[in-house]
Amino acid sequence: MILKDLLDYFDIDEELPEYLLNQTFNEIFLDGTLEIKDDKYKIAVKTRQDVIHQMYIMPNEEFPVIILSQLPNGLLNGMKFGQNLGEEIPINKL
């Protein structure tokens, strides 16, 4: 599933970089819940393996999309997507 499909599914009408709209993400987010606060969006879902996946969509930020997964042992995994292709940063590199 690409991000544009996820935005359509949750009826999120925001401008994001073209490369992000075509970025592939896990379909698990379709089962998530959406929270909106100050033009920032958070989609969160917990899997049967007790992994919590969160997607943050913040169109006007340096990193408009952040994926964060919290494993049952408390470790974090994920990726920050910048405004331009090539500006992605794995969470474990921070």
C-alpha atoms as a PDB file:
ATOM      1  CA  MET A   1       0.000   0.000   0.000  1.00  0.00           C
ATOM      2  CA  ILE A   2       1.304   3.465  -0.822  1.00  0.00           C
ATOM      3  CA  LEU A   3       0.941   6.484   1.448  1.00  0.00           C
ATOM      4  CA  LYS A   4      -1.522   8.182  -0.904  1.00  0.00           C
ATOM      5  CA  ASP A   5      -3.909   5.235  -0.455  1.00  0.00           C
ATOM      6  CA  LEU A   6      -3.588   5.454   3.328  1.00  0.00           C
ATOM      7  CA  LEU A   7      -4.276   9.203   3.269  1.00  0.00           C
ATOM      8  CA  ASP A   8      -7.376   8.592   1.143  1.00  0.00           C
ATOM      9  CA  TYR A   9      -8.543   5.822   3.476  1.00  0.00           C
ATOM     10  CA  PHE A  10      -8.363   8.118   6.521  1.00  0.00           C
ATOM     11  CA  ASP A  11      -9.603  11.153   4.531  1.00  0.00           C
ATOM     12  CA  ILE A  12      -6.420  13.130   5.243  1.00  0.00           C
ATOM     13  CA  ASP A  13      -6.154  16.001   2.757  1.00  0.00           C
ATOM     14  CA  GLU A  14      -2.637  17.372   3.175  1.00  0.00           C
ATOM     15  CA  GLU A  15       0.155  18.285   0.767  1.00  0.00           C
ATOM     16  CA  LEU A  16       3.169  16.008   1.077  1.00  0.00           C
ATOM     17  CA  PRO A  17       6.222  15.524  -1.141  1.00  0.00           C
ATOM     18  CA  GLU A  18       5.446  13.441  -4.237  1.00  0.00           C
ATOM     19  CA  TYR A  19       8.056  10.810  -3.372  1.00  0.00           C
ATOM     20  CA  LEU A  20       6.320  10.222  -0.025  1.00  0.00           C
ATOM     21  CA  LEU A  21       2.892   9.828  -1.598  1.00  0.00           C
ATOM     22  CA  ASN A  22       4.288   6.907  -3.610  1.00  0.00           C
ATOM     23  CA  GLN A  23       6.235   5.404  -0.695  1.00  0.00           C
ATOM     24  CA  THR A  24       5.160   1.889   0.264  1.00  0.00           C
ATOM     25  CA  PHE A  25       3.999   1.247   3.833  1.00  0.00           C
ATOM     26  CA  ASN A  26       2.644  -1.785   5.658  1.00  0.00           C
ATOM     27  CA  GLU A  27      -1.099  -2.353   5.263  1.00  0.00           C
ATOM     28  CA  ILE A  28      -1.334  -2.889   9.036  1.00  0.00           C
ATOM     29  CA  PHE A  29      -1.948   0.866   9.373  1.00  0.00           C
ATOM     30  CA  LEU A  30      -5.383   0.412   7.760  1.00  0.00           C
ATOM     31  CA  ASP A  31      -6.437  -1.266  11.032  1.00  0.00           C
ATOM     32  CA  GLY A  32      -5.145   1.655  13.099  1.00  0.00           C
ATOM     33  CA  THR A  33      -6.868   4.473  14.892  1.00  0.00           C
ATOM     34  CA  LEU A  34      -6.425   8.069  13.799  1.00  0.00           C
ATOM     35  CA  GLU A  35      -5.764  10.963  16.162  1.00  0.00           C
ATOM     36  CA  ILE A  36      -5.617  14.567  14.936  1.00  0.00           C
ATOM     37  CA  LYS A  37      -4.085  17.431  16.900  1.00  0.00           C
ATOM     38  CA  ASP A  38      -2.899  20.797  15.561  1.00  0.00           C
ATOM     39  CA  ASP A  39      -2.766  19.652  11.899  1.00  0.00           C
ATOM     40  CA  LYS A  40      -0.674  16.645  12.909  1.00  0.00           C
ATOM     41  CA  TYR A  41      -1.908  13.102  12.452  1.00  0.00           C
ATOM     42  CA  LYS A  42      -1.078   9.923  14.308  1.00  0.00           C
ATOM     43  CA  ILE A  43      -2.169   6.473  13.183  1.00  0.00           C
ATOM     44  CA  ALA A  44      -1.505   3.744  15.746  1.00  0.00           C
ATOM     45  CA  VAL A  45      -2.111   0.017  15.733  1.00  0.00           C
ATOM     46  CA  LYS A  46      -1.119  -2.844  18.027  1.00  0.00           C
ATOM     47  CA  THR A  47      -0.465  -6.249  16.453  1.00  0.00           C
ATOM     48  CA  ARG A  48      -1.116  -9.702  17.881  1.00  0.00           C
ATOM     49  CA  GLN A  49       2.613  -9.898  18.624  1.00  0.00           C
ATOM     50  CA  ASP A  50       2.214  -6.866  20.945  1.00  0.00           C
ATOM     51  CA  VAL A  51       4.165  -4.575  18.621  1.00  0.00           C
ATOM     52  CA  ILE A  52       2.821  -1.016  18.567  1.00  0.00           C
ATOM     53  CA  HIS A  53       3.212   0.654  15.168  1.00  0.00           C
ATOM     54  CA  GLN A  54       2.736   4.403  14.898  1.00  0.00           C
ATOM     55  CA  MET A  55       2.752   6.661  11.871  1.00  0.00           C
ATOM     56  CA  TYR A  56       3.057  10.384  12.402  1.00  0.00           C
ATOM     57  CA  ILE A  57       2.085  12.665   9.517  1.00  0.00           C
ATOM     58  CA  MET A  58       3.192  16.261   9.997  1.00  0.00           C
ATOM     59  CA  PRO A  59       3.105  17.993   6.589  1.00  0.00           C
ATOM     60  CA  ASN A  60       4.922  21.193   7.554  1.00  0.00           C
ATOM     61  CA  GLU A  61       7.780  19.633   9.534  1.00  0.00           C
ATOM     62  CA  GLU A  62      11.339  18.827   8.454  1.00  0.00           C
ATOM     63  CA  PHE A  63      10.369  15.141   8.645  1.00  0.00           C
ATOM     64  CA  PRO A  64       6.722  15.009   7.480  1.00  0.00           C
ATOM     65  CA  VAL A  65       6.339  11.251   8.025  1.00  0.00           C
ATOM     66  CA  ILE A  66       7.755   9.240  10.913  1.00  0.00           C
ATOM     67  CA  ILE A  67       7.199   5.526  11.425  1.00  0.00           C
ATOM     68  CA  LEU A  68       7.861   4.245  14.934  1.00  0.00           C
ATOM     69  CA  SER A  69       7.440   0.675  16.149  1.00  0.00           C
ATOM     70  CA  GLN A  70       7.753  -0.267  19.798  1.00  0.00           C
ATOM     71  CA  LEU A  71       8.673  -3.897  20.340  1.00  0.00           C
ATOM     72  CA  PRO A  72       7.420  -5.892  23.368  1.00  0.00           C
ATOM     73  CA  ASN A  73      10.887  -5.579  24.964  1.00  0.00           C
ATOM     74  CA  GLY A  74      10.621  -1.776  24.792  1.00  0.00           C
ATOM     75  CA  LEU A  75      13.073  -1.288  21.928  1.00  0.00           C
ATOM     76  CA  LEU A  76      12.146   1.168  19.178  1.00  0.00           C
ATOM     77  CA  ASN A  77      12.479   0.720  15.451  1.00  0.00           C
ATOM     78  CA  GLY A  78      11.431   2.964  12.604  1.00  0.00           C
ATOM     79  CA  MET A  79      12.238   5.618  10.048  1.00  0.00           C
ATOM     80  CA  LYS A  80      12.010   9.388   9.668  1.00  0.00           C
ATOM     81  CA  PHE A  81      11.191  10.549   6.130  1.00  0.00           C
ATOM     82  CA  GLY A  82      12.441  14.000   5.131  1.00  0.00           C
ATOM     83  CA  GLN A  83      10.956  16.507   2.722  1.00  0.00           C
ATOM     84  CA  ASN A  84      13.215  15.189  -0.067  1.00  0.00           C
ATOM     85  CA  LEU A  85      14.104  11.728  -1.312  1.00  0.00           C
ATOM     86  CA  GLY A  86      17.368  10.618   0.276  1.00  0.00           C
ATOM     87  CA  GLU A  87      16.738  12.405   3.573  1.00  0.00           C
ATOM     88  CA  GLU A  88      15.463   9.293   5.333  1.00  0.00           C
ATOM     89  CA  ILE A  89      16.946   8.510   8.738  1.00  0.00           C
ATOM     90  CA  PRO A  90      16.525   5.172  10.518  1.00  0.00           C
ATOM     91  CA  ILE A  91      15.407   5.679  14.125  1.00  0.00           C
ATOM     92  CA  ASN A  92      18.337   3.586  15.390  1.00  0.00           C
ATOM     93  CA  LYS A  93      20.757   6.143  13.836  1.00  0.00           C
ATOM     94  CA  LEU A  94      19.502   8.970  16.065  1.00  0.00           C
END
